[in-house]
Structure formats: structure tokens, C-alpha cells
Amino acid sequence: MPFTRLSDLLGRSARKKGISAQVEAAMILEFFKRVTSTMFEKNARMAISPLHVRDGTLTVATLSPALAQELKLREREIIDGINAKLGRIAVSGLRFLS
């Protein structure tokens, strides 16, 4: 009997329940945290919070305009990292609130 990957089962279940968009948004927020964890020190990471995804744009809150600027400089790297972890292009841009 072949094994079914857990991620495949979860994906099917989410689609059946009509919550696949919410599940994907939660995954994007988590992947943002993972990608930025290698780029920033702990203090900076604590001042960055991914908020939501709409129409391919991830909105991120920061505690300072300087930190938002640093994220903007690394935007392509962050987006590429999220999309690579997701396995498809789901995020096309970042929006910052500071």
C-alpha cells in the first residue's frame, strides 16, 4: 500500500472545507518568519510582524521605518524564499506598515 504524504491529505481536506485560502495565508505568514529568521537578529525579528496576505501582497508591520526600509531592500530575497518554501508563486510583493 503506497503512503500518502500528510501535506497532500491536509491540502485535500482544506479544499473540501473551503478553507484552502486561509490555510495558505497562514503558511505564508509562517514561511515569512522562517525566511527572515536567517536574515535578522532576534531583536529585529521581534519588531517585525507579518499581518495578512491579499491579492499576492503580504502586509508586514514594523516598529520602525528603518526596519521597513531594510525589509524593502531584501524584498526580492524574502519573496523568493517564501515562494520556494510554498512550491509556487503566491506572493508577489510586500507592503509595510510602520
PDB file of N, CA and C in Angstrom:
ATOM      1  N   MET A   1       0.842  -1.181   0.000  1.00  0.00           N
ATOM      2  CA  MET A   1       0.000   0.000   0.000  1.00  0.00           C
ATOM      3  C   MET A   1       0.885   1.241   0.000  1.00  0.00           C
ATOM      4  N   PRO A   2       0.703   2.155  -0.949  1.00  0.00           N
ATOM      5  CA  PRO A   2       1.552   3.349  -1.012  1.00  0.00           C
ATOM      6  C   PRO A   2       1.189   4.336   0.108  1.00  0.00           C
ATOM      7  N   PHE A   3       2.187   5.074   0.528  1.00  0.00           N
ATOM      8  CA  PHE A   3       1.977   6.078   1.558  1.00  0.00           C
ATOM      9  C   PHE A   3       1.516   7.386   0.918  1.00  0.00           C
ATOM     10  N   THR A   4       0.645   8.089   1.616  1.00  0.00           N
ATOM     11  CA  THR A   4       0.188   9.404   1.192  1.00  0.00           C
ATOM     12  C   THR A   4       0.816  10.434   2.112  1.00  0.00           C
ATOM     13  N   ARG A   5       1.405  11.442   1.513  1.00  0.00           N
ATOM     14  CA  ARG A   5       2.037  12.485   2.312  1.00  0.00           C
ATOM     15  C   ARG A   5       0.981  13.236   3.119  1.00  0.00           C
ATOM     16  N   LEU A   6       1.329  13.581   4.342  1.00  0.00           N
ATOM     17  CA  LEU A   6       0.416  14.307   5.216  1.00  0.00           C
ATOM     18  C   LEU A   6       0.010  15.640   4.597  1.00  0.00           C
ATOM     19  N   SER A   7       0.954  16.321   3.956  1.00  0.00           N
ATOM     20  CA  SER A   7       0.634  17.609   3.338  1.00  0.00           C
ATOM     21  C   SER A   7      -0.414  17.451   2.239  1.00  0.00           C
ATOM     22  N   ASP A   8      -0.389  16.324   1.513  1.00  0.00           N
ATOM     23  CA  ASP A   8      -1.406  16.084   0.487  1.00  0.00           C
ATOM     24  C   ASP A   8      -2.782  15.873   1.120  1.00  0.00           C
ATOM     25  N   LEU A   9      -2.817  15.133   2.216  1.00  0.00           N
ATOM     26  CA  LEU A   9      -4.090  14.906   2.908  1.00  0.00           C
ATOM     27  C   LEU A   9      -4.664  16.212   3.459  1.00  0.00           C
ATOM     28  N   LEU A  10      -3.798  17.016   4.058  1.00  0.00           N
ATOM     29  CA  LEU A  10      -4.258  18.286   4.613  1.00  0.00           C
ATOM     30  C   LEU A  10      -4.764  19.212   3.516  1.00  0.00           C
ATOM     31  N   GLY A  11      -4.049  19.240   2.387  1.00  0.00           N
ATOM     32  CA  GLY A  11      -4.472  20.078   1.266  1.00  0.00           C
ATOM     33  C   GLY A  11      -5.838  19.687   0.750  1.00  0.00           C
ATOM     34  N   ARG A  12      -6.067  18.390   0.596  1.00  0.00           N
ATOM     35  CA  ARG A  12      -7.372  17.904   0.129  1.00  0.00           C
ATOM     36  C   ARG A  12      -8.466  18.245   1.128  1.00  0.00           C
ATOM     37  N   SER A  13      -8.184  18.059   2.398  1.00  0.00           N
ATOM     38  CA  SER A  13      -9.180  18.360   3.434  1.00  0.00           C
ATOM     39  C   SER A  13      -9.517  19.841   3.461  1.00  0.00           C
ATOM     40  N   ALA A  14      -8.517  20.675   3.332  1.00  0.00           N
ATOM     41  CA  ALA A  14      -8.747  22.120   3.331  1.00  0.00           C
ATOM     42  C   ALA A  14      -9.587  22.541   2.137  1.00  0.00           C
ATOM     43  N   ARG A  15      -9.298  21.964   0.973  1.00  0.00           N
ATOM     44  CA  ARG A  15     -10.089  22.300  -0.221  1.00  0.00           C
ATOM     45  C   ARG A  15     -11.540  21.862  -0.051  1.00  0.00           C
ATOM     46  N   LYS A  16     -11.751  20.693   0.515  1.00  0.00           N
ATOM     47  CA  LYS A  16     -13.119  20.198   0.731  1.00  0.00           C
ATOM     48  C   LYS A  16     -13.899  21.116   1.657  1.00  0.00           C
ATOM     49  N   LYS A  17     -13.236  21.627   2.659  1.00  0.00           N
ATOM     50  CA  LYS A  17     -13.896  22.503   3.636  1.00  0.00           C
ATOM     51  C   LYS A  17     -13.962  23.956   3.174  1.00  0.00           C
ATOM     52  N   GLY A  18     -13.312  24.274   2.061  1.00  0.00           N
ATOM     53  CA  GLY A  18     -13.342  25.640   1.554  1.00  0.00           C
ATOM     54  C   GLY A  18     -12.455  26.608   2.310  1.00  0.00           C
ATOM     55  N   ILE A  19     -11.442  26.093   2.975  1.00  0.00           N
ATOM     56  CA  ILE A  19     -10.560  26.967   3.759  1.00  0.00           C
ATOM     57  C   ILE A  19      -9.134  26.969   3.218  1.00  0.00           C
ATOM     58  N   SER A  20      -8.951  26.529   1.998  1.00  0.00           N
ATOM     59  CA  SER A  20      -7.586  26.433   1.480  1.00  0.00           C
ATOM     60  C   SER A  20      -6.905  27.798   1.400  1.00  0.00           C
ATOM     61  N   ALA A  21      -7.655  28.857   1.114  1.00  0.00           N
ATOM     62  CA  ALA A  21      -7.043  30.191   1.057  1.00  0.00           C
ATOM     63  C   ALA A  21      -6.525  30.610   2.433  1.00  0.00           C
ATOM     64  N   GLN A  22      -7.295  30.321   3.471  1.00  0.00           N
ATOM     65  CA  GLN A  22      -6.866  30.675   4.828  1.00  0.00           C
ATOM     66  C   GLN A  22      -5.656  29.848   5.260  1.00  0.00           C
ATOM     67  N   VAL A  23      -5.658  28.579   4.896  1.00  0.00           N
ATOM     68  CA  VAL A  23      -4.526  27.712   5.240  1.00  0.00           C
ATOM     69  C   VAL A  23      -3.271  28.205   4.532  1.00  0.00           C
ATOM     70  N   GLU A  24      -3.393  28.545   3.250  1.00  0.00           N
ATOM     71  CA  GLU A  24      -2.242  29.045   2.510  1.00  0.00           C
ATOM     72  C   GLU A  24      -1.745  30.359   3.093  1.00  0.00           C
ATOM     73  N   ALA A  25      -2.648  31.247   3.484  1.00  0.00           N
ATOM     74  CA  ALA A  25      -2.241  32.517   4.086  1.00  0.00           C
ATOM     75  C   ALA A  25      -1.471  32.279   5.380  1.00  0.00           C
ATOM     76  N   ALA A  26      -1.939  31.350   6.197  1.00  0.00           N
ATOM     77  CA  ALA A  26      -1.232  31.025   7.444  1.00  0.00           C
ATOM     78  C   ALA A  26       0.150  30.455   7.149  1.00  0.00           C
ATOM     79  N   MET A  27       0.243  29.636   6.118  1.00  0.00           N
ATOM     80  CA  MET A  27       1.545  29.082   5.736  1.00  0.00           C
ATOM     81  C   MET A  27       2.484  30.188   5.266  1.00  0.00           C
ATOM     82  N   ILE A  28       1.976  31.134   4.511  1.00  0.00           N
ATOM     83  CA  ILE A  28       2.810  32.245   4.032  1.00  0.00           C
ATOM     84  C   ILE A  28       3.346  33.053   5.209  1.00  0.00           C
ATOM     85  N   LEU A  29       2.504  33.327   6.199  1.00  0.00           N
ATOM     86  CA  LEU A  29       2.957  34.078   7.379  1.00  0.00           C
ATOM     87  C   LEU A  29       4.061  33.320   8.111  1.00  0.00           C
ATOM     88  N   GLU A  30       3.884  32.016   8.242  1.00  0.00           N
ATOM     89  CA  GLU A  30       4.903  31.190   8.905  1.00  0.00           C
ATOM     90  C   GLU A  30       6.190  31.154   8.085  1.00  0.00           C
ATOM     91  N   PHE A  31       6.079  31.015   6.767  1.00  0.00           N
ATOM     92  CA  PHE A  31       7.265  30.983   5.912  1.00  0.00           C
ATOM     93  C   PHE A  31       7.996  32.319   5.950  1.00  0.00           C
ATOM     94  N   PHE A  32       7.260  33.433   6.056  1.00  0.00           N
ATOM     95  CA  PHE A  32       7.900  34.739   6.200  1.00  0.00           C
ATOM     96  C   PHE A  32       8.785  34.745   7.449  1.00  0.00           C
ATOM     97  N   LYS A  33       8.249  34.242   8.543  1.00  0.00           N
ATOM     98  CA  LYS A  33       9.021  34.202   9.792  1.00  0.00           C
ATOM     99  C   LYS A  33      10.270  33.345   9.646  1.00  0.00           C
ATOM    100  N   ARG A  34      10.133  32.205   8.977  1.00  0.00           N
ATOM    101  CA  ARG A  34      11.287  31.321   8.786  1.00  0.00           C
ATOM    102  C   ARG A  34      12.350  31.972   7.907  1.00  0.00           C
ATOM    103  N   VAL A  35      11.925  32.585   6.818  1.00  0.00           N
ATOM    104  CA  VAL A  35      12.880  33.210   5.890  1.00  0.00           C
ATOM    105  C   VAL A  35      13.602  34.364   6.573  1.00  0.00           C
ATOM    106  N   THR A  36      12.871  35.210   7.277  1.00  0.00           N
ATOM    107  CA  THR A  36      13.507  36.368   7.912  1.00  0.00           C
ATOM    108  C   THR A  36      14.316  35.991   9.150  1.00  0.00           C
ATOM    109  N   SER A  37      14.071  34.803   9.695  1.00  0.00           N
ATOM    110  CA  SER A  37      14.834  34.400  10.885  1.00  0.00           C
ATOM    111  C   SER A  37      16.315  34.242  10.584  1.00  0.00           C
ATOM    112  N   THR A  38      16.654  33.962   9.335  1.00  0.00           N
ATOM    113  CA  THR A  38      18.062  33.825   8.957  1.00  0.00           C
ATOM    114  C   THR A  38      18.675  35.159   8.544  1.00  0.00           C
ATOM    115  N   MET A  39      17.849  36.172   8.366  1.00  0.00           N
ATOM    116  CA  MET A  39      18.331  37.469   7.885  1.00  0.00           C
ATOM    117  C   MET A  39      18.530  38.503   8.987  1.00  0.00           C
ATOM    118  N   PHE A  40      17.774  38.349  10.075  1.00  0.00           N
ATOM    119  CA  PHE A  40      17.758  39.380  11.113  1.00  0.00           C
ATOM    120  C   PHE A  40      18.046  38.790  12.484  1.00  0.00           C
ATOM    121  N   GLU A  41      18.600  39.616  13.343  1.00  0.00           N
ATOM    122  CA  GLU A  41      18.839  39.226  14.728  1.00  0.00           C
ATOM    123  C   GLU A  41      17.511  39.143  15.475  1.00  0.00           C
ATOM    124  N   LYS A  42      17.542  38.529  16.624  1.00  0.00           N
ATOM    125  CA  LYS A  42      16.327  38.300  17.405  1.00  0.00           C
ATOM    126  C   LYS A  42      15.587  39.604  17.720  1.00  0.00           C
ATOM    127  N   ASN A  43      16.309  40.643  18.114  1.00  0.00           N
ATOM    128  CA  ASN A  43      15.667  41.921  18.455  1.00  0.00           C
ATOM    129  C   ASN A  43      14.916  42.503  17.260  1.00  0.00           C
ATOM    130  N   ALA A  44      15.510  42.420  16.086  1.00  0.00           N
ATOM    131  CA  ALA A  44      14.854  42.924  14.883  1.00  0.00           C
ATOM    132  C   ALA A  44      13.648  42.066  14.531  1.00  0.00           C
ATOM    133  N   ARG A  45      13.794  40.752  14.645  1.00  0.00           N
ATOM    134  CA  ARG A  45      12.672  39.847  14.327  1.00  0.00           C
ATOM    135  C   ARG A  45      11.478  40.111  15.238  1.00  0.00           C
ATOM    136  N   MET A  46      11.744  40.481  16.479  1.00  0.00           N
ATOM    137  CA  MET A  46      10.656  40.760  17.417  1.00  0.00           C
ATOM    138  C   MET A  46       9.915  42.045  17.048  1.00  0.00           C
ATOM    139  N   ALA A  47      10.529  42.892  16.230  1.00  0.00           N
ATOM    140  CA  ALA A  47       9.920  44.156  15.810  1.00  0.00           C
ATOM    141  C   ALA A  47       9.263  44.053  14.439  1.00  0.00           C
ATOM    142  N   ILE A  48       9.173  42.837  13.901  1.00  0.00           N
ATOM    143  CA  ILE A  48       8.568  42.591  12.586  1.00  0.00           C
ATOM    144  C   ILE A  48       7.418  41.604  12.782  1.00  0.00           C
ATOM    145  N   SER A  49       6.266  41.927  12.206  1.00  0.00           N
ATOM    146  CA  SER A  49       5.128  41.018  12.327  1.00  0.00           C
ATOM    147  C   SER A  49       4.370  40.934  11.000  1.00  0.00           C
ATOM    148  N   PRO A  50       4.329  39.748  10.377  1.00  0.00           N
ATOM    149  CA  PRO A  50       3.524  39.598   9.170  1.00  0.00           C
ATOM    150  C   PRO A  50       2.045  39.612   9.568  1.00  0.00           C
ATOM    151  N   LEU A  51       1.231  40.373   8.831  1.00  0.00           N
ATOM    152  CA  LEU A  51      -0.162  40.543   9.224  1.00  0.00           C
ATOM    153  C   LEU A  51      -1.148  39.721   8.400  1.00  0.00           C
ATOM    154  N   HIS A  52      -1.128  39.917   7.082  1.00  0.00           N
ATOM    155  CA  HIS A  52      -2.090  39.222   6.230  1.00  0.00           C
ATOM    156  C   HIS A  52      -1.629  39.243   4.779  1.00  0.00           C
ATOM    157  N   VAL A  53      -2.289  38.411   3.974  1.00  0.00           N
ATOM    158  CA  VAL A  53      -1.996  38.326   2.546  1.00  0.00           C
ATOM    159  C   VAL A  53      -3.285  38.646   1.788  1.00  0.00           C
ATOM    160  N   ARG A  54      -3.175  39.564   0.832  1.00  0.00           N
ATOM    161  CA  ARG A  54      -4.307  39.892  -0.037  1.00  0.00           C
ATOM    162  C   ARG A  54      -3.797  40.104  -1.444  1.00  0.00           C
ATOM    163  N   ASP A  55      -4.401  39.406  -2.366  1.00  0.00           N
ATOM    164  CA  ASP A  55      -4.066  39.551  -3.788  1.00  0.00           C
ATOM    165  C   ASP A  55      -2.568  39.445  -4.053  1.00  0.00           C
ATOM    166  N   GLY A  56      -1.913  38.517  -3.373  1.00  0.00           N
ATOM    167  CA  GLY A  56      -0.499  38.268  -3.593  1.00  0.00           C
ATOM    168  C   GLY A  56       0.438  39.226  -2.883  1.00  0.00           C
ATOM    169  N   THR A  57      -0.106  40.144  -2.083  1.00  0.00           N
ATOM    170  CA  THR A  57       0.714  41.097  -1.341  1.00  0.00           C
ATOM    171  C   THR A  57       0.670  40.765   0.146  1.00  0.00           C
ATOM    172  N   LEU A  58       1.849  40.575   0.713  1.00  0.00           N
ATOM    173  CA  LEU A  58       1.978  40.291   2.139  1.00  0.00           C
ATOM    174  C   LEU A  58       2.204  41.613   2.870  1.00  0.00           C
ATOM    175  N   THR A  59       1.328  41.926   3.821  1.00  0.00           N
ATOM    176  CA  THR A  59       1.467  43.141   4.622  1.00  0.00           C
ATOM    177  C   THR A  59       2.227  42.798   5.896  1.00  0.00           C
ATOM    178  N   VAL A  60       3.244  43.614   6.171  1.00  0.00           N
ATOM    179  CA  VAL A  60       4.131  43.387   7.313  1.00  0.00           C
ATOM    180  C   VAL A  60       4.187  44.658   8.153  1.00  0.00           C
ATOM    181  N   ALA A  61       3.986  44.514   9.460  1.00  0.00           N
ATOM    182  CA  ALA A  61       4.111  45.644  10.379  1.00  0.00           C
ATOM    183  C   ALA A  61       5.517  45.648  10.967  1.00  0.00           C
ATOM    184  N   THR A  62       6.078  46.842  11.101  1.00  0.00           N
ATOM    185  CA  THR A  62       7.388  47.005  11.733  1.00  0.00           C
ATOM    186  C   THR A  62       7.293  48.113  12.774  1.00  0.00           C
ATOM    187  N   LEU A  63       8.202  48.068  13.728  1.00  0.00           N
ATOM    188  CA  LEU A  63       8.200  49.093  14.766  1.00  0.00           C
ATOM    189  C   LEU A  63       8.991  50.337  14.383  1.00  0.00           C
ATOM    190  N   SER A  64       9.677  50.283  13.229  1.00  0.00           N
ATOM    191  CA  SER A  64      10.432  51.468  12.827  1.00  0.00           C
ATOM    192  C   SER A  64      10.510  51.566  11.304  1.00  0.00           C
ATOM    193  N   PRO A  65      10.535  52.789  10.792  1.00  0.00           N
ATOM    194  CA  PRO A  65      10.697  52.972   9.351  1.00  0.00           C
ATOM    195  C   PRO A  65      12.040  52.425   8.853  1.00  0.00           C
ATOM    196  N   ALA A  66      13.063  52.462   9.690  1.00  0.00           N
ATOM    197  CA  ALA A  66      14.369  51.942   9.285  1.00  0.00           C
ATOM    198  C   ALA A  66      14.308  50.438   9.049  1.00  0.00           C
ATOM    199  N   LEU A  67      13.588  49.750   9.879  1.00  0.00           N
ATOM    200  CA  LEU A  67      13.426  48.312   9.713  1.00  0.00           C
ATOM    201  C   LEU A  67      12.586  48.004   8.471  1.00  0.00           C
ATOM    202  N   ALA A  68      11.575  48.815   8.220  1.00  0.00           N
ATOM    203  CA  ALA A  68      10.781  48.650   6.994  1.00  0.00           C
ATOM    204  C   ALA A  68      11.662  48.845   5.766  1.00  0.00           C
ATOM    205  N   GLN A  69      12.566  49.805   5.822  1.00  0.00           N
ATOM    206  CA  GLN A  69      13.481  50.042   4.703  1.00  0.00           C
ATOM    207  C   GLN A  69      14.414  48.847   4.493  1.00  0.00           C
ATOM    208  N   GLU A  70      14.902  48.271   5.572  1.00  0.00           N
ATOM    209  CA  GLU A  70      15.765  47.088   5.470  1.00  0.00           C
ATOM    210  C   GLU A  70      15.007  45.919   4.837  1.00  0.00           C
ATOM    211  N   LEU A  71      13.752  45.745   5.229  1.00  0.00           N
ATOM    212  CA  LEU A  71      12.922  44.703   4.617  1.00  0.00           C
ATOM    213  C   LEU A  71      12.704  44.991   3.133  1.00  0.00           C
ATOM    214  N   LYS A  72      12.490  46.244   2.801  1.00  0.00           N
ATOM    215  CA  LYS A  72      12.287  46.625   1.397  1.00  0.00           C
ATOM    216  C   LYS A  72      13.528  46.294   0.564  1.00  0.00           C
ATOM    217  N   LEU A  73      14.697  46.528   1.127  1.00  0.00           N
ATOM    218  CA  LEU A  73      15.936  46.215   0.415  1.00  0.00           C
ATOM    219  C   LEU A  73      16.088  44.710   0.177  1.00  0.00           C
ATOM    220  N   ARG A  74      15.514  43.908   1.057  1.00  0.00           N
ATOM    221  CA  ARG A  74      15.610  42.447   0.946  1.00  0.00           C
ATOM    222  C   ARG A  74      14.317  41.807   0.425  1.00  0.00           C
ATOM    223  N   GLU A  75      13.423  42.645  -0.085  1.00  0.00           N
ATOM    224  CA  GLU A  75      12.096  42.180  -0.506  1.00  0.00           C
ATOM    225  C   GLU A  75      12.161  41.007  -1.486  1.00  0.00           C
ATOM    226  N   ARG A  76      12.975  41.114  -2.525  1.00  0.00           N
ATOM    227  CA  ARG A  76      13.042  40.053  -3.533  1.00  0.00           C
ATOM    228  C   ARG A  76      13.508  38.747  -2.905  1.00  0.00           C
ATOM    229  N   GLU A  77      14.503  38.825  -2.052  1.00  0.00           N
ATOM    230  CA  GLU A  77      15.030  37.636  -1.378  1.00  0.00           C
ATOM    231  C   GLU A  77      13.961  36.996  -0.478  1.00  0.00           C
ATOM    232  N   ILE A  78      13.202  37.818   0.216  1.00  0.00           N
ATOM    233  CA  ILE A  78      12.143  37.321   1.095  1.00  0.00           C
ATOM    234  C   ILE A  78      11.040  36.661   0.281  1.00  0.00           C
ATOM    235  N   ILE A  79      10.590  37.334  -0.770  1.00  0.00           N
ATOM    236  CA  ILE A  79       9.522  36.793  -1.618  1.00  0.00           C
ATOM    237  C   ILE A  79       9.954  35.479  -2.257  1.00  0.00           C
ATOM    238  N   ASP A  80      11.169  35.448  -2.778  1.00  0.00           N
ATOM    239  CA  ASP A  80      11.668  34.218  -3.399  1.00  0.00           C
ATOM    240  C   ASP A  80      11.739  33.075  -2.388  1.00  0.00           C
ATOM    241  N   GLY A  81      12.151  33.383  -1.160  1.00  0.00           N
ATOM    242  CA  GLY A  81      12.228  32.362  -0.121  1.00  0.00           C
ATOM    243  C   GLY A  81      10.857  31.811   0.256  1.00  0.00           C
ATOM    244  N   ILE A  82       9.876  32.688   0.387  1.00  0.00           N
ATOM    245  CA  ILE A  82       8.513  32.252   0.716  1.00  0.00           C
ATOM    246  C   ILE A  82       7.962  31.379  -0.406  1.00  0.00           C
ATOM    247  N   ASN A  83       8.076  31.856  -1.632  1.00  0.00           N
ATOM    248  CA  ASN A  83       7.536  31.110  -2.772  1.00  0.00           C
ATOM    249  C   ASN A  83       8.233  29.766  -2.956  1.00  0.00           C
ATOM    250  N   ALA A  84       9.529  29.718  -2.675  1.00  0.00           N
ATOM    251  CA  ALA A  84      10.260  28.451  -2.780  1.00  0.00           C
ATOM    252  C   ALA A  84       9.748  27.452  -1.743  1.00  0.00           C
ATOM    253  N   LYS A  85       9.513  27.914  -0.524  1.00  0.00           N
ATOM    254  CA  LYS A  85       9.006  27.025   0.518  1.00  0.00           C
ATOM    255  C   LYS A  85       7.581  26.566   0.220  1.00  0.00           C
ATOM    256  N   LEU A  86       6.806  27.436  -0.404  1.00  0.00           N
ATOM    257  CA  LEU A  86       5.426  27.095  -0.736  1.00  0.00           C
ATOM    258  C   LEU A  86       5.344  26.207  -1.971  1.00  0.00           C
ATOM    259  N   GLY A  87       6.359  26.301  -2.818  1.00  0.00           N
ATOM    260  CA  GLY A  87       6.383  25.470  -4.014  1.00  0.00           C
ATOM    261  C   GLY A  87       5.655  26.073  -5.206  1.00  0.00           C
ATOM    262  N   ARG A  88       5.271  27.320  -5.088  1.00  0.00           N
ATOM    263  CA  ARG A  88       4.625  28.038  -6.197  1.00  0.00           C
ATOM    264  C   ARG A  88       4.666  29.533  -5.899  1.00  0.00           C
ATOM    265  N   ILE A  89       4.351  30.327  -6.896  1.00  0.00           N
ATOM    266  CA  ILE A  89       4.354  31.773  -6.707  1.00  0.00           C
ATOM    267  C   ILE A  89       3.018  32.191  -6.105  1.00  0.00           C
ATOM    268  N   ALA A  90       3.053  32.580  -4.854  1.00  0.00           N
ATOM    269  CA  ALA A  90       1.848  33.019  -4.153  1.00  0.00           C
ATOM    270  C   ALA A  90       1.984  34.462  -3.672  1.00  0.00           C
ATOM    271  N   VAL A  91       3.227  34.900  -3.469  1.00  0.00           N
ATOM    272  CA  VAL A  91       3.489  36.260  -3.000  1.00  0.00           C
ATOM    273  C   VAL A  91       4.256  36.999  -4.086  1.00  0.00           C
ATOM    274  N   SER A  92       3.740  38.171  -4.455  1.00  0.00           N
ATOM    275  CA  SER A  92       4.398  38.958  -5.499  1.00  0.00           C
ATOM    276  C   SER A  92       4.958  40.268  -4.970  1.00  0.00           C
ATOM    277  N   GLY A  93       4.559  40.661  -3.749  1.00  0.00           N
ATOM    278  CA  GLY A  93       5.056  41.908  -3.201  1.00  0.00           C
ATOM    279  C   GLY A  93       4.848  41.988  -1.696  1.00  0.00           C
ATOM    280  N   LEU A  94       5.555  42.925  -1.091  1.00  0.00           N
ATOM    281  CA  LEU A  94       5.412  43.207   0.339  1.00  0.00           C
ATOM    282  C   LEU A  94       4.904  44.621   0.509  1.00  0.00           C
ATOM    283  N   ARG A  95       4.109  44.826   1.533  1.00  0.00           N
ATOM    284  CA  ARG A  95       3.602  46.157   1.895  1.00  0.00           C
ATOM    285  C   ARG A  95       3.963  46.353   3.355  1.00  0.00           C
ATOM    286  N   PHE A  96       4.409  47.542   3.707  1.00  0.00           N
ATOM    287  CA  PHE A  96       4.903  47.771   5.058  1.00  0.00           C
ATOM    288  C   PHE A  96       4.076  48.802   5.803  1.00  0.00           C
ATOM    289  N   LEU A  97       3.828  48.521   7.069  1.00  0.00           N
ATOM    290  CA  LEU A  97       3.206  49.455   7.992  1.00  0.00           C
ATOM    291  C   LEU A  97       4.202  49.691   9.115  1.00  0.00           C
ATOM    292  N   SER A  98       4.501  50.949   9.380  1.00  0.00           N
ATOM    293  CA  SER A  98       5.437  51.213  10.477  1.00  0.00           C
ATOM    294  C   SER A  98       4.967  52.399  11.293  1.00  0.00           C
TER     295      SER A  98
END
